[in-house]
Amino acid sequence: MKKALMLMCLAAVMMSCKENNTTSVKDDEKATIEKVTDLPNSEKVNQLLSEMLVPMEIADEGAKNLTDKYGIDFGGTCYACDVAEIIVDGEMINLMNACDVQTQISYKITKVEEKGKTITVHTPLNEFVFERIDDYPMYQLTVKGQEIDKEHFRTAGFYTLKSKLETFSVHDCGDFEG
């Protein structure tokens, strides 16, 4: 009987410690959410968060016009189906396979920083660094941190807003039969 009473007391003490620990985690989550909702209020950040980002590559190295120089990532979108489209919504950054948007991975955003032409989206595992090219909503993407599954979510070197895709010379797979 003493052992049972002692075990019950020990369990109660452990549960109270666990509850306190859970409360502090919730407080940390609230602080993180507050930081994320307190995003830098700028036109550049708002534009990055506004819609899907589609993968791009250099289509014509010698072109002077940005919309002729870059085009859709043909190999990853039309052939290999391994490249990721990206949505940054302020709370999560979502990578979706360009050929199957049901295949996706998501990362919780902990912080967003803007410095000049660079917007850095921090997650617990990675940093997604979007460097704006010229004044056009075209971004060079660098991912730092944990490696991402390249079989389904290979990140392209460049991204642009889906609404701007039609302005590029190479903006679809054309008559590709792959």
C-alpha atoms as a PDB file:
ATOM      1  CA  MET A   1       0.000   0.000   0.000  1.00  0.00           C
ATOM      2  CA  LYS A   2       2.871   2.346   0.869  1.00  0.00           C
ATOM      3  CA  LYS A   3       4.525   1.562  -2.469  1.00  0.00           C
ATOM      4  CA  ALA A   4       1.313   2.297  -4.360  1.00  0.00           C
ATOM      5  CA  LEU A   5       0.842   5.610  -2.502  1.00  0.00           C
ATOM      6  CA  MET A   6       4.477   6.515  -3.112  1.00  0.00           C
ATOM      7  CA  LEU A   7       4.163   5.701  -6.842  1.00  0.00           C
ATOM      8  CA  MET A   8       1.003   7.846  -7.070  1.00  0.00           C
ATOM      9  CA  CYS A   9       2.797  10.786  -5.420  1.00  0.00           C
ATOM     10  CA  LEU A  10       5.782  10.371  -7.722  1.00  0.00           C
ATOM     11  CA  ALA A  11       3.499  10.224 -10.762  1.00  0.00           C
ATOM     12  CA  ALA A  12       1.656  13.379  -9.599  1.00  0.00           C
ATOM     13  CA  VAL A  13       4.949  15.240  -9.172  1.00  0.00           C
ATOM     14  CA  MET A  14       6.133  14.136 -12.609  1.00  0.00           C
ATOM     15  CA  MET A  15       2.813  15.151 -14.204  1.00  0.00           C
ATOM     16  CA  SER A  16       3.009  18.598 -12.617  1.00  0.00           C
ATOM     17  CA  CYS A  17       6.544  19.013 -13.961  1.00  0.00           C
ATOM     18  CA  LYS A  18       5.392  17.896 -17.378  1.00  0.00           C
ATOM     19  CA  GLU A  19       2.469  20.361 -17.316  1.00  0.00           C
ATOM     20  CA  ASN A  20       4.807  23.222 -16.404  1.00  0.00           C
ATOM     21  CA  ASN A  21       7.156  22.226 -19.197  1.00  0.00           C
ATOM     22  CA  THR A  22       4.258  22.119 -21.679  1.00  0.00           C
ATOM     23  CA  THR A  23       3.154  25.581 -20.593  1.00  0.00           C
ATOM     24  CA  SER A  24       6.609  27.017 -21.223  1.00  0.00           C
ATOM     25  CA  VAL A  25       6.683  25.403 -24.662  1.00  0.00           C
ATOM     26  CA  LYS A  26       3.316  26.995 -25.448  1.00  0.00           C
ATOM     27  CA  ASP A  27       4.679  30.368 -24.300  1.00  0.00           C
ATOM     28  CA  ASP A  28       7.698  29.893 -26.587  1.00  0.00           C
ATOM     29  CA  GLU A  29       5.367  29.026 -29.465  1.00  0.00           C
ATOM     30  CA  LYS A  30       3.324  32.172 -28.789  1.00  0.00           C
ATOM     31  CA  ALA A  31       6.505  34.247 -28.841  1.00  0.00           C
ATOM     32  CA  THR A  32       7.520  32.634 -32.130  1.00  0.00           C
ATOM     33  CA  ILE A  33       4.090  33.262 -33.628  1.00  0.00           C
ATOM     34  CA  GLU A  34       4.246  36.879 -32.494  1.00  0.00           C
ATOM     35  CA  LYS A  35       7.653  37.267 -34.180  1.00  0.00           C
ATOM     36  CA  VAL A  36       6.403  35.693 -37.392  1.00  0.00           C
ATOM     37  CA  THR A  37       3.251  37.806 -37.538  1.00  0.00           C
ATOM     38  CA  ASP A  38       5.470  40.825 -36.985  1.00  0.00           C
ATOM     39  CA  LEU A  39       6.961  40.440 -40.465  1.00  0.00           C
ATOM     40  CA  PRO A  40       8.951  43.258 -42.031  1.00  0.00           C
ATOM     41  CA  ASN A  41       6.288  45.474 -43.583  1.00  0.00           C
ATOM     42  CA  SER A  42       7.749  46.239 -46.978  1.00  0.00           C
ATOM     43  CA  GLU A  43       6.612  45.965 -50.565  1.00  0.00           C
ATOM     44  CA  LYS A  44       9.368  43.426 -51.316  1.00  0.00           C
ATOM     45  CA  VAL A  45       8.397  41.078 -48.467  1.00  0.00           C
ATOM     46  CA  ASN A  46       4.686  41.439 -49.246  1.00  0.00           C
ATOM     47  CA  GLN A  47       5.368  40.574 -52.894  1.00  0.00           C
ATOM     48  CA  LEU A  48       7.355  37.450 -51.939  1.00  0.00           C
ATOM     49  CA  LEU A  49       4.492  36.352 -49.673  1.00  0.00           C
ATOM     50  CA  SER A  50       1.773  37.150 -52.208  1.00  0.00           C
ATOM     51  CA  GLU A  51       1.674  34.046 -54.411  1.00  0.00           C
ATOM     52  CA  MET A  52       3.356  30.855 -55.619  1.00  0.00           C
ATOM     53  CA  LEU A  53       6.972  31.058 -56.728  1.00  0.00           C
ATOM     54  CA  VAL A  54       7.801  29.026 -59.836  1.00  0.00           C
ATOM     55  CA  PRO A  55      11.235  27.561 -60.628  1.00  0.00           C
ATOM     56  CA  MET A  56      13.336  29.317 -63.273  1.00  0.00           C
ATOM     57  CA  GLU A  57      16.719  28.800 -64.920  1.00  0.00           C
ATOM     58  CA  ILE A  58      18.984  30.775 -67.209  1.00  0.00           C
ATOM     59  CA  ALA A  59      17.569  30.206 -70.703  1.00  0.00           C
ATOM     60  CA  ASP A  60      19.753  32.621 -72.723  1.00  0.00           C
ATOM     61  CA  GLU A  61      22.968  33.691 -70.986  1.00  0.00           C
ATOM     62  CA  GLY A  62      23.661  36.484 -73.489  1.00  0.00           C
ATOM     63  CA  ALA A  63      20.214  38.128 -73.352  1.00  0.00           C
ATOM     64  CA  LYS A  64      20.106  41.632 -71.927  1.00  0.00           C
ATOM     65  CA  ASN A  65      16.401  41.624 -71.075  1.00  0.00           C
ATOM     66  CA  LEU A  66      15.650  39.720 -67.847  1.00  0.00           C
ATOM     67  CA  THR A  67      12.507  38.119 -69.309  1.00  0.00           C
ATOM     68  CA  ASP A  68      14.564  36.723 -72.211  1.00  0.00           C
ATOM     69  CA  LYS A  69      17.535  35.674 -70.071  1.00  0.00           C
ATOM     70  CA  TYR A  70      15.507  33.503 -67.666  1.00  0.00           C
ATOM     71  CA  GLY A  71      12.861  30.891 -68.410  1.00  0.00           C
ATOM     72  CA  ILE A  72      10.971  28.082 -66.718  1.00  0.00           C
ATOM     73  CA  ASP A  73      13.214  25.347 -65.286  1.00  0.00           C
ATOM     74  CA  PHE A  74      12.609  23.034 -68.240  1.00  0.00           C
ATOM     75  CA  GLY A  75      14.516  20.008 -66.962  1.00  0.00           C
ATOM     76  CA  GLY A  76      12.887  19.963 -63.544  1.00  0.00           C
ATOM     77  CA  THR A  77       9.387  20.980 -64.598  1.00  0.00           C
ATOM     78  CA  CYS A  78       8.959  19.275 -67.963  1.00  0.00           C
ATOM     79  CA  TYR A  79      11.342  16.311 -67.869  1.00  0.00           C
ATOM     80  CA  ALA A  80      12.533  15.079 -64.456  1.00  0.00           C
ATOM     81  CA  CYS A  81       9.620  16.416 -62.363  1.00  0.00           C
ATOM     82  CA  ASP A  82      11.984  16.915 -59.443  1.00  0.00           C
ATOM     83  CA  VAL A  83      11.872  20.678 -58.929  1.00  0.00           C
ATOM     84  CA  ALA A  84       9.923  22.465 -56.200  1.00  0.00           C
ATOM     85  CA  GLU A  85       7.442  25.297 -56.459  1.00  0.00           C
ATOM     86  CA  ILE A  86       7.351  27.417 -53.303  1.00  0.00           C
ATOM     87  CA  ILE A  87       4.682  29.219 -51.314  1.00  0.00           C
ATOM     88  CA  VAL A  88       5.719  31.432 -48.398  1.00  0.00           C
ATOM     89  CA  ASP A  89       2.605  32.402 -46.450  1.00  0.00           C
ATOM     90  CA  GLY A  90       4.087  34.079 -43.392  1.00  0.00           C
ATOM     91  CA  GLU A  91       3.620  31.108 -41.057  1.00  0.00           C
ATOM     92  CA  MET A  92       4.900  28.264 -43.246  1.00  0.00           C
ATOM     93  CA  ILE A  93       7.134  27.821 -46.256  1.00  0.00           C
ATOM     94  CA  ASN A  94       5.768  25.058 -48.462  1.00  0.00           C
ATOM     95  CA  LEU A  95       7.737  23.205 -51.142  1.00  0.00           C
ATOM     96  CA  MET A  96       5.526  21.413 -53.664  1.00  0.00           C
ATOM     97  CA  ASN A  97       6.633  19.127 -56.456  1.00  0.00           C
ATOM     98  CA  ALA A  98       6.075  21.006 -59.746  1.00  0.00           C
ATOM     99  CA  CYS A  99       4.373  17.981 -61.341  1.00  0.00           C
ATOM    100  CA  ASP A 100       2.310  16.929 -58.308  1.00  0.00           C
ATOM    101  CA  VAL A 101       1.302  19.694 -55.877  1.00  0.00           C
ATOM    102  CA  GLN A 102      -0.091  17.015 -53.536  1.00  0.00           C
ATOM    103  CA  THR A 103       3.527  15.973 -52.887  1.00  0.00           C
ATOM    104  CA  GLN A 104       4.807  18.650 -50.558  1.00  0.00           C
ATOM    105  CA  ILE A 105       6.806  19.428 -47.443  1.00  0.00           C
ATOM    106  CA  SER A 106       6.287  22.357 -45.110  1.00  0.00           C
ATOM    107  CA  TYR A 107       8.515  24.179 -42.666  1.00  0.00           C
ATOM    108  CA  LYS A 108       7.356  26.450 -39.853  1.00  0.00           C
ATOM    109  CA  ILE A 109       8.758  29.954 -40.253  1.00  0.00           C
ATOM    110  CA  THR A 110      10.478  31.286 -37.150  1.00  0.00           C
ATOM    111  CA  LYS A 111      11.686  34.608 -38.531  1.00  0.00           C
ATOM    112  CA  VAL A 112      11.792  36.678 -41.718  1.00  0.00           C
ATOM    113  CA  GLU A 113      14.567  39.233 -42.240  1.00  0.00           C
ATOM    114  CA  GLU A 114      15.023  41.794 -44.982  1.00  0.00           C
ATOM    115  CA  LYS A 115      18.386  43.385 -45.738  1.00  0.00           C
ATOM    116  CA  GLY A 116      18.634  45.364 -48.962  1.00  0.00           C
ATOM    117  CA  LYS A 117      17.704  43.054 -51.834  1.00  0.00           C
ATOM    118  CA  THR A 118      17.836  39.919 -49.657  1.00  0.00           C
ATOM    119  CA  ILE A 119      14.930  38.333 -47.792  1.00  0.00           C
ATOM    120  CA  THR A 120      15.865  35.466 -45.470  1.00  0.00           C
ATOM    121  CA  VAL A 121      13.165  33.074 -44.271  1.00  0.00           C
ATOM    122  CA  HIS A 122      14.310  31.165 -41.176  1.00  0.00           C
ATOM    123  CA  THR A 123      12.900  27.769 -40.172  1.00  0.00           C
ATOM    124  CA  PRO A 124      14.103  25.439 -37.411  1.00  0.00           C
ATOM    125  CA  LEU A 125      16.028  23.362 -39.977  1.00  0.00           C
ATOM    126  CA  ASN A 126      16.881  25.736 -42.827  1.00  0.00           C
ATOM    127  CA  GLU A 127      17.371  29.277 -44.043  1.00  0.00           C
ATOM    128  CA  PHE A 128      15.845  30.146 -47.408  1.00  0.00           C
ATOM    129  CA  VAL A 129      17.690  33.178 -48.792  1.00  0.00           C
ATOM    130  CA  PHE A 130      15.851  34.977 -51.608  1.00  0.00           C
ATOM    131  CA  GLU A 131      18.038  37.583 -53.309  1.00  0.00           C
ATOM    132  CA  ARG A 132      16.090  39.842 -55.626  1.00  0.00           C
ATOM    133  CA  ILE A 133      17.533  40.318 -59.126  1.00  0.00           C
ATOM    134  CA  ASP A 134      17.114  43.893 -60.392  1.00  0.00           C
ATOM    135  CA  ASP A 135      13.730  45.439 -59.614  1.00  0.00           C
ATOM    136  CA  TYR A 136      11.776  42.592 -61.190  1.00  0.00           C
ATOM    137  CA  PRO A 137      10.225  40.005 -58.848  1.00  0.00           C
ATOM    138  CA  MET A 138      12.919  37.484 -59.765  1.00  0.00           C
ATOM    139  CA  TYR A 139      14.833  35.817 -56.949  1.00  0.00           C
ATOM    140  CA  GLN A 140      18.020  33.810 -56.725  1.00  0.00           C
ATOM    141  CA  LEU A 141      17.446  31.166 -54.040  1.00  0.00           C
ATOM    142  CA  THR A 142      20.062  29.726 -51.706  1.00  0.00           C
ATOM    143  CA  VAL A 143      19.086  27.162 -49.077  1.00  0.00           C
ATOM    144  CA  LYS A 144      21.299  26.729 -46.011  1.00  0.00           C
ATOM    145  CA  GLY A 145      20.963  24.064 -43.343  1.00  0.00           C
ATOM    146  CA  GLN A 146      19.546  20.564 -43.523  1.00  0.00           C
ATOM    147  CA  GLU A 147      19.511  18.959 -46.975  1.00  0.00           C
ATOM    148  CA  ILE A 148      16.129  18.828 -48.712  1.00  0.00           C
ATOM    149  CA  ASP A 149      14.885  15.748 -50.616  1.00  0.00           C
ATOM    150  CA  LYS A 150      16.242  16.439 -54.109  1.00  0.00           C
ATOM    151  CA  GLU A 151      14.271  13.608 -55.710  1.00  0.00           C
ATOM    152  CA  HIS A 152      10.966  15.475 -55.292  1.00  0.00           C
ATOM    153  CA  PHE A 153      11.840  18.954 -54.004  1.00  0.00           C
ATOM    154  CA  ARG A 154      15.021  20.099 -55.730  1.00  0.00           C
ATOM    155  CA  THR A 155      15.221  23.848 -55.370  1.00  0.00           C
ATOM    156  CA  ALA A 156      15.893  25.761 -58.553  1.00  0.00           C
ATOM    157  CA  GLY A 157      18.521  28.457 -58.685  1.00  0.00           C
ATOM    158  CA  PHE A 158      15.942  31.115 -59.489  1.00  0.00           C
ATOM    159  CA  TYR A 159      12.253  31.784 -58.808  1.00  0.00           C
ATOM    160  CA  THR A 160       9.639  34.278 -59.929  1.00  0.00           C
ATOM    161  CA  LEU A 161       5.987  34.953 -59.140  1.00  0.00           C
ATOM    162  CA  LYS A 162       3.554  32.697 -60.979  1.00  0.00           C
ATOM    163  CA  SER A 163       1.640  35.753 -62.255  1.00  0.00           C
ATOM    164  CA  LYS A 164       4.833  37.006 -63.970  1.00  0.00           C
ATOM    165  CA  LEU A 165       5.582  33.701 -65.714  1.00  0.00           C
ATOM    166  CA  GLU A 166       3.759  34.685 -68.934  1.00  0.00           C
ATOM    167  CA  THR A 167       6.106  37.671 -69.372  1.00  0.00           C
ATOM    168  CA  PHE A 168       9.108  35.358 -69.907  1.00  0.00           C
ATOM    169  CA  SER A 169      10.094  34.053 -73.349  1.00  0.00           C
ATOM    170  CA  VAL A 170      10.282  30.458 -72.065  1.00  0.00           C
ATOM    171  CA  HIS A 171       7.274  30.133 -69.753  1.00  0.00           C
ATOM    172  CA  ASP A 172       5.977  26.601 -70.343  1.00  0.00           C
ATOM    173  CA  CYS A 173       7.012  23.167 -71.619  1.00  0.00           C
ATOM    174  CA  GLY A 174       5.833  23.933 -75.150  1.00  0.00           C
ATOM    175  CA  ASP A 175       5.244  20.836 -77.270  1.00  0.00           C
ATOM    176  CA  PHE A 176       7.502  18.687 -75.090  1.00  0.00           C
ATOM    177  CA  GLU A 177       6.272  15.087 -75.199  1.00  0.00           C
ATOM    178  CA  GLY A 178       8.467  13.734 -72.329  1.00  0.00           C
END
